[in-house]
Amino acid sequence: GVSRSVVSREIIESTEADLKELCERDLSGLDVRIIVVDGMPLDAQMTIGVLGVDLAGKKHFLGFREGATENSEVCKRLFEDLTGRGLKMDHPILFILDGSKALRKAVDDTCGKNAVVHRCQFHKRENLKKHLTKEYQAEYEQKLMTIYGMNDYKDARAALTSLIKEVGRLSISAANSLEEGSEETLTLHLLGVPEMLRKSLSTTNLMESTFSFAETIMHNVKRWRT
């Protein structure tokens, strides 16, 4: 029979080879027009994942870095790695991001005026709830979701402005949280993106299946050596 140690060693070596291929592969052949960046908690730290969508609508997992999206150095090195492997960012790209200022700066430094940023509506809803007492959370989350579900940009913008004032009567900090970056939560409305596509791109959930698959695999590992 084959010993456990031999099987374990071969799996580790095979996984390392696959990971090296994933992280070093050439990206110059991709025509990516949408980039989604999100973080996944792994044990005591975060891993930032980057997903690209090409003109045909095909998803490509581009790369990852260990560290939080709030870490400017990690974010900068992540984008430097992608461009270093040939990813073209010399044309307009829609970025779907959370509210991290460090991540936003890394995008601006890499793409400049070519970056069109949409703020994840899920993250905005979660941030708003943190500033409201429990009795108001569900009510105002639903009101915000209704606004994001509108099709016309001007209507959504007016309704959002009105909601910020309404929330301000309950909590100044909640109103400030909702107002901060609020215009970028309506980027897809401003671009006139069709409703069905807008639902897919309104949050960073395009990364969800990738993260879920990774979590499923990692839960099968009972003992992490390092």
C-alpha atoms as a PDB file:
ATOM      1  CA  GLY A   1       0.000   0.000   0.000  1.00  0.00           C
ATOM      2  CA  VAL A   2       0.918   3.649  -0.287  1.00  0.00           C
ATOM      3  CA  SER A   3       1.598   5.464   2.960  1.00  0.00           C
ATOM      4  CA  ARG A   4      -0.363   8.545   4.024  1.00  0.00           C
ATOM      5  CA  SER A   5       2.782  10.648   4.012  1.00  0.00           C
ATOM      6  CA  VAL A   6       3.511   9.797   0.376  1.00  0.00           C
ATOM      7  CA  VAL A   7      -0.064  10.639  -0.679  1.00  0.00           C
ATOM      8  CA  SER A   8       0.052  13.872   1.318  1.00  0.00           C
ATOM      9  CA  ARG A   9       3.393  14.886  -0.191  1.00  0.00           C
ATOM     10  CA  GLU A  10       2.217  14.198  -3.745  1.00  0.00           C
ATOM     11  CA  ILE A  11      -1.003  16.175  -3.220  1.00  0.00           C
ATOM     12  CA  ILE A  12       0.960  19.111  -1.815  1.00  0.00           C
ATOM     13  CA  GLU A  13       3.413  19.054  -4.729  1.00  0.00           C
ATOM     14  CA  SER A  14       0.607  18.811  -7.276  1.00  0.00           C
ATOM     15  CA  THR A  15      -1.328  21.648  -5.631  1.00  0.00           C
ATOM     16  CA  GLU A  16       1.766  23.846  -5.511  1.00  0.00           C
ATOM     17  CA  ALA A  17       2.325  23.296  -9.238  1.00  0.00           C
ATOM     18  CA  ASP A  18      -1.298  24.149 -10.062  1.00  0.00           C
ATOM     19  CA  LEU A  19      -1.177  27.253  -7.870  1.00  0.00           C
ATOM     20  CA  LYS A  20       2.060  28.397  -9.497  1.00  0.00           C
ATOM     21  CA  GLU A  21       0.503  27.979 -12.954  1.00  0.00           C
ATOM     22  CA  LEU A  22      -2.624  29.913 -11.900  1.00  0.00           C
ATOM     23  CA  CYS A  23      -0.674  32.782 -10.365  1.00  0.00           C
ATOM     24  CA  GLU A  24       1.900  33.140 -13.129  1.00  0.00           C
ATOM     25  CA  ARG A  25      -0.125  32.504 -16.296  1.00  0.00           C
ATOM     26  CA  ASP A  26      -0.066  35.017 -19.151  1.00  0.00           C
ATOM     27  CA  LEU A  27      -3.077  37.368 -19.195  1.00  0.00           C
ATOM     28  CA  SER A  28      -2.202  39.265 -22.390  1.00  0.00           C
ATOM     29  CA  GLY A  29      -4.715  37.316 -24.473  1.00  0.00           C
ATOM     30  CA  LEU A  30      -7.709  38.438 -22.394  1.00  0.00           C
ATOM     31  CA  ASP A  31      -9.926  41.374 -23.338  1.00  0.00           C
ATOM     32  CA  VAL A  32     -11.295  42.139 -19.871  1.00  0.00           C
ATOM     33  CA  ARG A  33     -13.902  44.912 -19.605  1.00  0.00           C
ATOM     34  CA  ILE A  34     -15.238  44.321 -16.083  1.00  0.00           C
ATOM     35  CA  ILE A  35     -13.153  43.664 -12.969  1.00  0.00           C
ATOM     36  CA  VAL A  36     -14.628  42.587  -9.640  1.00  0.00           C
ATOM     37  CA  VAL A  37     -12.514  42.776  -6.494  1.00  0.00           C
ATOM     38  CA  ASP A  38     -13.639  41.320  -3.179  1.00  0.00           C
ATOM     39  CA  GLY A  39     -12.195  39.895   0.011  1.00  0.00           C
ATOM     40  CA  MET A  40     -12.745  36.454   1.555  1.00  0.00           C
ATOM     41  CA  PRO A  41     -11.966  35.792   5.237  1.00  0.00           C
ATOM     42  CA  LEU A  42      -9.641  32.829   5.674  1.00  0.00           C
ATOM     43  CA  ASP A  43      -9.055  31.987   9.318  1.00  0.00           C
ATOM     44  CA  ALA A  44      -7.504  35.109  10.870  1.00  0.00           C
ATOM     45  CA  GLN A  45      -6.883  37.107   7.713  1.00  0.00           C
ATOM     46  CA  MET A  46      -8.419  38.194   4.421  1.00  0.00           C
ATOM     47  CA  THR A  47      -7.624  37.111   0.891  1.00  0.00           C
ATOM     48  CA  ILE A  48      -8.354  39.567  -1.936  1.00  0.00           C
ATOM     49  CA  GLY A  49      -9.597  37.953  -5.122  1.00  0.00           C
ATOM     50  CA  VAL A  50      -9.814  39.546  -8.583  1.00  0.00           C
ATOM     51  CA  LEU A  51     -12.265  38.364 -11.223  1.00  0.00           C
ATOM     52  CA  GLY A  52     -12.381  39.608 -14.817  1.00  0.00           C
ATOM     53  CA  VAL A  53     -15.261  39.450 -17.301  1.00  0.00           C
ATOM     54  CA  ASP A  54     -14.546  39.657 -21.034  1.00  0.00           C
ATOM     55  CA  LEU A  55     -16.725  40.998 -23.859  1.00  0.00           C
ATOM     56  CA  ALA A  56     -18.311  37.577 -24.339  1.00  0.00           C
ATOM     57  CA  GLY A  57     -19.414  37.542 -20.705  1.00  0.00           C
ATOM     58  CA  LYS A  58     -16.938  34.827 -19.692  1.00  0.00           C
ATOM     59  CA  LYS A  59     -15.494  35.026 -16.183  1.00  0.00           C
ATOM     60  CA  HIS A  60     -11.749  34.657 -15.558  1.00  0.00           C
ATOM     61  CA  PHE A  61     -10.216  34.384 -12.089  1.00  0.00           C
ATOM     62  CA  LEU A  62      -7.190  36.651 -12.507  1.00  0.00           C
ATOM     63  CA  GLY A  63      -5.350  36.433  -9.210  1.00  0.00           C
ATOM     64  CA  PHE A  64      -5.309  36.960  -5.466  1.00  0.00           C
ATOM     65  CA  ARG A  65      -3.282  38.323  -2.586  1.00  0.00           C
ATOM     66  CA  GLU A  66      -3.360  37.637   1.130  1.00  0.00           C
ATOM     67  CA  GLY A  67      -4.331  40.792   2.994  1.00  0.00           C
ATOM     68  CA  ALA A  68      -7.275  43.141   3.467  1.00  0.00           C
ATOM     69  CA  THR A  69      -8.602  45.518   0.807  1.00  0.00           C
ATOM     70  CA  GLU A  70      -7.894  48.302   3.282  1.00  0.00           C
ATOM     71  CA  ASN A  71      -4.153  47.672   2.884  1.00  0.00           C
ATOM     72  CA  SER A  72      -2.896  50.036   0.157  1.00  0.00           C
ATOM     73  CA  GLU A  73       0.411  48.198  -0.364  1.00  0.00           C
ATOM     74  CA  VAL A  74      -1.314  44.839  -0.871  1.00  0.00           C
ATOM     75  CA  CYS A  75      -3.800  46.364  -3.328  1.00  0.00           C
ATOM     76  CA  LYS A  76      -1.039  48.103  -5.269  1.00  0.00           C
ATOM     77  CA  ARG A  77       1.047  44.940  -5.581  1.00  0.00           C
ATOM     78  CA  LEU A  78      -2.001  42.972  -6.671  1.00  0.00           C
ATOM     79  CA  PHE A  79      -2.667  45.254  -9.649  1.00  0.00           C
ATOM     80  CA  GLU A  80       1.039  45.470 -10.468  1.00  0.00           C
ATOM     81  CA  ASP A  81       1.070  41.665 -10.668  1.00  0.00           C
ATOM     82  CA  LEU A  82      -1.901  41.629 -13.075  1.00  0.00           C
ATOM     83  CA  THR A  83      -0.441  44.253 -15.414  1.00  0.00           C
ATOM     84  CA  GLY A  84       2.970  42.585 -15.151  1.00  0.00           C
ATOM     85  CA  ARG A  85       1.397  39.368 -16.463  1.00  0.00           C
ATOM     86  CA  GLY A  86       0.029  41.231 -19.459  1.00  0.00           C
ATOM     87  CA  LEU A  87      -3.492  42.255 -18.426  1.00  0.00           C
ATOM     88  CA  LYS A  88      -4.450  45.207 -20.634  1.00  0.00           C
ATOM     89  CA  MET A  89      -5.895  48.182 -18.760  1.00  0.00           C
ATOM     90  CA  ASP A  90      -5.419  50.835 -21.463  1.00  0.00           C
ATOM     91  CA  HIS A  91      -9.154  50.987 -22.236  1.00  0.00           C
ATOM     92  CA  PRO A  92     -12.247  51.799 -20.144  1.00  0.00           C
ATOM     93  CA  ILE A  93     -12.903  49.118 -17.521  1.00  0.00           C
ATOM     94  CA  LEU A  94     -15.834  48.874 -15.130  1.00  0.00           C
ATOM     95  CA  PHE A  95     -14.565  48.100 -11.627  1.00  0.00           C
ATOM     96  CA  ILE A  96     -16.950  46.716  -9.023  1.00  0.00           C
ATOM     97  CA  LEU A  97     -15.495  47.426  -5.589  1.00  0.00           C
ATOM     98  CA  ASP A  98     -16.381  47.644  -1.946  1.00  0.00           C
ATOM     99  CA  GLY A  99     -15.835  50.948  -0.159  1.00  0.00           C
ATOM    100  CA  SER A 100     -12.107  50.516   0.496  1.00  0.00           C
ATOM    101  CA  LYS A 101     -10.181  53.760  -0.100  1.00  0.00           C
ATOM    102  CA  ALA A 102      -6.916  51.848  -0.472  1.00  0.00           C
ATOM    103  CA  LEU A 103      -8.388  49.644  -3.179  1.00  0.00           C
ATOM    104  CA  ARG A 104      -9.875  52.641  -4.951  1.00  0.00           C
ATOM    105  CA  LYS A 105      -6.486  54.402  -4.925  1.00  0.00           C
ATOM    106  CA  ALA A 106      -4.815  51.314  -6.387  1.00  0.00           C
ATOM    107  CA  VAL A 107      -7.396  51.282  -9.208  1.00  0.00           C
ATOM    108  CA  ASP A 108      -6.921  54.994  -9.902  1.00  0.00           C
ATOM    109  CA  ASP A 109      -3.124  54.683  -9.870  1.00  0.00           C
ATOM    110  CA  THR A 110      -3.257  51.724 -12.276  1.00  0.00           C
ATOM    111  CA  CYS A 111      -5.964  52.798 -14.722  1.00  0.00           C
ATOM    112  CA  GLY A 112      -6.456  56.527 -14.174  1.00  0.00           C
ATOM    113  CA  LYS A 113      -9.303  57.889 -16.297  1.00  0.00           C
ATOM    114  CA  ASN A 114      -9.958  54.466 -17.822  1.00  0.00           C
ATOM    115  CA  ALA A 115     -11.420  53.296 -14.511  1.00  0.00           C
ATOM    116  CA  VAL A 116     -15.209  53.503 -14.196  1.00  0.00           C
ATOM    117  CA  VAL A 117     -16.082  52.562 -10.606  1.00  0.00           C
ATOM    118  CA  HIS A 118     -19.296  51.044  -9.293  1.00  0.00           C
ATOM    119  CA  ARG A 119     -19.612  50.663  -5.527  1.00  0.00           C
ATOM    120  CA  CYS A 120     -21.085  47.364  -4.355  1.00  0.00           C
ATOM    121  CA  GLN A 121     -24.656  47.966  -3.231  1.00  0.00           C
ATOM    122  CA  PHE A 122     -24.560  45.054  -0.779  1.00  0.00           C
ATOM    123  CA  HIS A 123     -21.620  46.568   1.092  1.00  0.00           C
ATOM    124  CA  LYS A 124     -23.429  49.929   1.183  1.00  0.00           C
ATOM    125  CA  ARG A 125     -26.563  48.323   2.658  1.00  0.00           C
ATOM    126  CA  GLU A 126     -24.513  46.487   5.292  1.00  0.00           C
ATOM    127  CA  ASN A 127     -22.649  49.665   6.231  1.00  0.00           C
ATOM    128  CA  LEU A 128     -25.924  51.569   6.613  1.00  0.00           C
ATOM    129  CA  LYS A 129     -27.350  48.915   8.951  1.00  0.00           C
ATOM    130  CA  LYS A 130     -24.325  49.186  11.239  1.00  0.00           C
ATOM    131  CA  HIS A 131     -25.285  52.816  11.969  1.00  0.00           C
ATOM    132  CA  LEU A 132     -28.959  52.092  12.695  1.00  0.00           C
ATOM    133  CA  THR A 133     -30.605  50.509  15.706  1.00  0.00           C
ATOM    134  CA  LYS A 134     -32.003  47.040  15.106  1.00  0.00           C
ATOM    135  CA  GLU A 135     -35.624  48.236  14.919  1.00  0.00           C
ATOM    136  CA  TYR A 136     -34.871  50.350  11.809  1.00  0.00           C
ATOM    137  CA  GLN A 137     -32.405  48.124   9.955  1.00  0.00           C
ATOM    138  CA  ALA A 138     -34.832  45.982   7.930  1.00  0.00           C
ATOM    139  CA  GLU A 139     -37.024  48.975   7.012  1.00  0.00           C
ATOM    140  CA  TYR A 140     -34.233  51.113   5.630  1.00  0.00           C
ATOM    141  CA  GLU A 141     -32.444  48.221   3.978  1.00  0.00           C
ATOM    142  CA  GLN A 142     -35.656  47.539   2.045  1.00  0.00           C
ATOM    143  CA  LYS A 143     -36.054  51.228   1.125  1.00  0.00           C
ATOM    144  CA  LEU A 144     -32.483  51.301  -0.199  1.00  0.00           C
ATOM    145  CA  MET A 145     -33.014  48.088  -2.175  1.00  0.00           C
ATOM    146  CA  THR A 146     -36.154  49.593  -3.727  1.00  0.00           C
ATOM    147  CA  ILE A 147     -34.148  52.619  -4.884  1.00  0.00           C
ATOM    148  CA  TYR A 148     -31.422  50.426  -6.364  1.00  0.00           C
ATOM    149  CA  GLY A 149     -34.155  48.488  -8.170  1.00  0.00           C
ATOM    150  CA  MET A 150     -35.329  51.581 -10.060  1.00  0.00           C
ATOM    151  CA  ASN A 151     -34.499  51.727 -13.767  1.00  0.00           C
ATOM    152  CA  ASP A 152     -34.132  55.478 -14.312  1.00  0.00           C
ATOM    153  CA  TYR A 153     -30.987  57.191 -13.038  1.00  0.00           C
ATOM    154  CA  LYS A 154     -32.629  60.544 -12.252  1.00  0.00           C
ATOM    155  CA  ASP A 155     -35.444  58.889 -10.304  1.00  0.00           C
ATOM    156  CA  ALA A 156     -33.000  56.751  -8.335  1.00  0.00           C
ATOM    157  CA  ARG A 157     -30.736  59.730  -7.642  1.00  0.00           C
ATOM    158  CA  ALA A 158     -33.648  61.852  -6.365  1.00  0.00           C
ATOM    159  CA  ALA A 159     -34.988  59.002  -4.202  1.00  0.00           C
ATOM    160  CA  LEU A 160     -31.537  58.349  -2.737  1.00  0.00           C
ATOM    161  CA  THR A 161     -31.070  62.035  -1.871  1.00  0.00           C
ATOM    162  CA  SER A 162     -34.465  62.006  -0.153  1.00  0.00           C
ATOM    163  CA  LEU A 163     -33.598  58.824   1.771  1.00  0.00           C
ATOM    164  CA  ILE A 164     -30.337  60.333   3.025  1.00  0.00           C
ATOM    165  CA  LYS A 165     -32.317  63.237   4.519  1.00  0.00           C
ATOM    166  CA  GLU A 166     -34.860  60.845   6.040  1.00  0.00           C
ATOM    167  CA  VAL A 167     -32.143  58.686   7.602  1.00  0.00           C
ATOM    168  CA  GLY A 168     -30.496  61.829   8.952  1.00  0.00           C
ATOM    169  CA  ARG A 169     -33.466  62.369  11.247  1.00  0.00           C
ATOM    170  CA  LEU A 170     -32.643  59.053  12.911  1.00  0.00           C
ATOM    171  CA  SER A 171     -28.857  59.123  12.847  1.00  0.00           C
ATOM    172  CA  ILE A 172     -26.330  61.601  11.486  1.00  0.00           C
ATOM    173  CA  SER A 173     -23.688  58.878  11.239  1.00  0.00           C
ATOM    174  CA  ALA A 174     -26.098  56.675   9.241  1.00  0.00           C
ATOM    175  CA  ALA A 175     -26.836  59.542   6.854  1.00  0.00           C
ATOM    176  CA  ASN A 176     -23.105  60.219   6.424  1.00  0.00           C
ATOM    177  CA  SER A 177     -22.460  56.532   5.753  1.00  0.00           C
ATOM    178  CA  LEU A 178     -25.224  56.410   3.140  1.00  0.00           C
ATOM    179  CA  GLU A 179     -24.110  59.635   1.475  1.00  0.00           C
ATOM    180  CA  GLU A 180     -20.429  58.687   1.277  1.00  0.00           C
ATOM    181  CA  GLY A 181     -19.794  57.358  -2.218  1.00  0.00           C
ATOM    182  CA  SER A 182     -23.545  57.171  -2.887  1.00  0.00           C
ATOM    183  CA  GLU A 183     -23.157  58.446  -6.462  1.00  0.00           C
ATOM    184  CA  GLU A 184     -20.952  55.473  -7.331  1.00  0.00           C
ATOM    185  CA  THR A 185     -23.607  53.026  -6.140  1.00  0.00           C
ATOM    186  CA  LEU A 186     -25.659  54.347  -9.081  1.00  0.00           C
ATOM    187  CA  THR A 187     -22.916  54.039 -11.728  1.00  0.00           C
ATOM    188  CA  LEU A 188     -24.769  51.239 -13.538  1.00  0.00           C
ATOM    189  CA  HIS A 189     -27.916  53.392 -13.637  1.00  0.00           C
ATOM    190  CA  LEU A 190     -25.921  56.294 -15.041  1.00  0.00           C
ATOM    191  CA  LEU A 191     -24.428  54.037 -17.728  1.00  0.00           C
ATOM    192  CA  GLY A 192     -27.887  52.832 -18.719  1.00  0.00           C
ATOM    193  CA  VAL A 193     -27.057  49.181 -18.078  1.00  0.00           C
ATOM    194  CA  PRO A 194     -30.139  46.965 -18.741  1.00  0.00           C
ATOM    195  CA  GLU A 195     -31.978  45.735 -15.660  1.00  0.00           C
ATOM    196  CA  MET A 196     -31.013  42.041 -15.908  1.00  0.00           C
ATOM    197  CA  LEU A 197     -27.322  42.811 -16.361  1.00  0.00           C
ATOM    198  CA  ARG A 198     -27.478  45.499 -13.677  1.00  0.00           C
ATOM    199  CA  LYS A 199     -28.673  42.921 -11.144  1.00  0.00           C
ATOM    200  CA  SER A 200     -25.652  40.737 -11.900  1.00  0.00           C
ATOM    201  CA  LEU A 201     -23.189  43.617 -11.623  1.00  0.00           C
ATOM    202  CA  SER A 202     -24.714  45.592  -8.737  1.00  0.00           C
ATOM    203  CA  THR A 203     -22.648  43.778  -6.092  1.00  0.00           C
ATOM    204  CA  THR A 204     -19.385  41.858  -5.856  1.00  0.00           C
ATOM    205  CA  ASN A 205     -21.389  38.603  -5.825  1.00  0.00           C
ATOM    206  CA  LEU A 206     -19.833  37.500  -9.144  1.00  0.00           C
ATOM    207  CA  MET A 207     -16.975  36.346  -6.906  1.00  0.00           C
ATOM    208  CA  GLU A 208     -19.303  34.316  -4.699  1.00  0.00           C
ATOM    209  CA  SER A 209     -19.112  31.038  -6.631  1.00  0.00           C
ATOM    210  CA  THR A 210     -15.311  31.201  -6.718  1.00  0.00           C
ATOM    211  CA  PHE A 211     -15.097  31.843  -2.984  1.00  0.00           C
ATOM    212  CA  SER A 212     -17.712  29.186  -2.195  1.00  0.00           C
ATOM    213  CA  PHE A 213     -15.793  26.569  -4.179  1.00  0.00           C
ATOM    214  CA  ALA A 214     -12.552  27.482  -2.403  1.00  0.00           C
ATOM    215  CA  GLU A 215     -14.227  27.320   1.018  1.00  0.00           C
ATOM    216  CA  THR A 216     -15.725  23.903   0.234  1.00  0.00           C
ATOM    217  CA  ILE A 217     -12.318  22.513  -0.686  1.00  0.00           C
ATOM    218  CA  MET A 218     -10.600  24.045   2.335  1.00  0.00           C
ATOM    219  CA  HIS A 219     -13.215  22.680   4.750  1.00  0.00           C
ATOM    220  CA  ASN A 220     -12.123  19.208   3.627  1.00  0.00           C
ATOM    221  CA  VAL A 221      -8.642  19.863   5.011  1.00  0.00           C
ATOM    222  CA  LYS A 222      -8.638  18.790   8.638  1.00  0.00           C
ATOM    223  CA  ARG A 223      -5.096  19.817   9.513  1.00  0.00           C
ATOM    224  CA  TRP A 224      -3.169  22.758   8.084  1.00  0.00           C
ATOM    225  CA  ARG A 225       0.576  22.322   8.540  1.00  0.00           C
ATOM    226  CA  THR A 226       1.389  25.952   7.659  1.00  0.00           C
END
